[in-house]
Amino acid sequence: MVSISVNNLSFTYRNSDHKALDGISFKLHQGEMLVIMGKSGAGKSTLCRCLNGIIPKFVKGDLSGDIEVFGEPIKDKPIYQIAQNVGLVFQDFESQLFSTNVELEVAFGPENLSLSREEIGKRIRHSLNKVGLIGFENRQPHTLSGGEKQRLAIASVLSMRPKIMILDEPTTDLDPIGRYEIFQSLSELKKESISMILVEHDAEDVINSDRIMILSDGKIVAFDDTKNILKDTKFLESYGIRPLQIPKLFMETGLDIVPFTAESAYELSGKLLESSIDEHKYNSLKEKDKNRRYGDVAIEIKNVTYSYSKGENVLNDINLSIREGEFVAIIGQNGSGKTTLAKLING
């Protein structure tokens, strides 16, 4: 079954003479996960807003072409009707959170549909369970982590029981754990045959999608199965998309088989090593690294603990020495203290 059908869609914002979308046509099938990629300004967010009626009902401009949701045109439908089939999570997901606790946030949509208390309660539990937030009902949204806030935004849309979910850059500014949590939640939704459209910049996050569409200057420049798109690393780079490193490495070696995961790459690593390693050069580099000597200590941190405004400690008993010539990377989850440590180092 076709969830969304778009035919020759074009849109120009008011007071602009440049088409934000130009002749877009595609179909999204039930249960499919479609990823839209492209440079900033390519038309990704504009397309998302057309699909749920925000454009042109709230954002004005010149719109032409046709959009059908489950075979019905949406042109003359009010947004509240479209929203019952097409849910949209904005890139700035925090702007969608305004209630005093998690339960009220998820209940807001169903309450506006005049559903019974029993049905609203069922939807709250189902939505929170799908995004892994059971037990968070009484938490205030502003106390949640970035990943938890994003999952709450998804739950608040999911409680409307849409058959199509559109997520505009759902992992923006999230650390790897937060991103993992979001895609775990999306995998759960896919099991219910919910169709999904994701706007994403990072190829690492889209490998489990079904198809990828690449936009440039408002036009579709590629639309194919995910692996067919991801293996063409030079094409991705030409449109400002950083390709997966594993396919890129294997493509550069000239091998016919292109793996997409570390596991599949491991199976082919023997062939890769045989074709790419110069033993003499390797031994030379290893000897050079062994003989490297760093200079005197340039930065030394001893037993540093720090908190903001008498709150919980952000840093606890940090000890660190950095020598002249060293290249040191500070990594960790969002909120782990990386930026605070850097600010303390530079005073």
Foldseek 3Di string as FASTA:
>chain_A
DWFKWWFQKWWDFPPDPAILAGGDTDTFHFLAEEEEEFDPSLNPVVVLCVQQVCPPVVGNTDIDTFMDGPRHTCPPPDNLVSLLAEPEQEPPNVVLDDDQFLLCLLLVSVVVVVDDPVLSVVLSVVLCVLLVNPVRGGPGLVVDDLLVSLSSSSSSSCSSVHLEYEYEASCPPFDPVSLVSVVSSVVSVSVVRRYYYYYHQALVSCQPGQWYFYGGSNYTPDIDGSVVVQLVQVVCVVRVHHGQPQSVLVVVLVDPDGDRDPVVCVVCVVVVCVSDDDVVVVVVVVVVVVPDDFAAWPDWDAQDWDDDPPDDILDGGDTDTDTHPDDDDDDDGPSNCPVVVVVVRVD
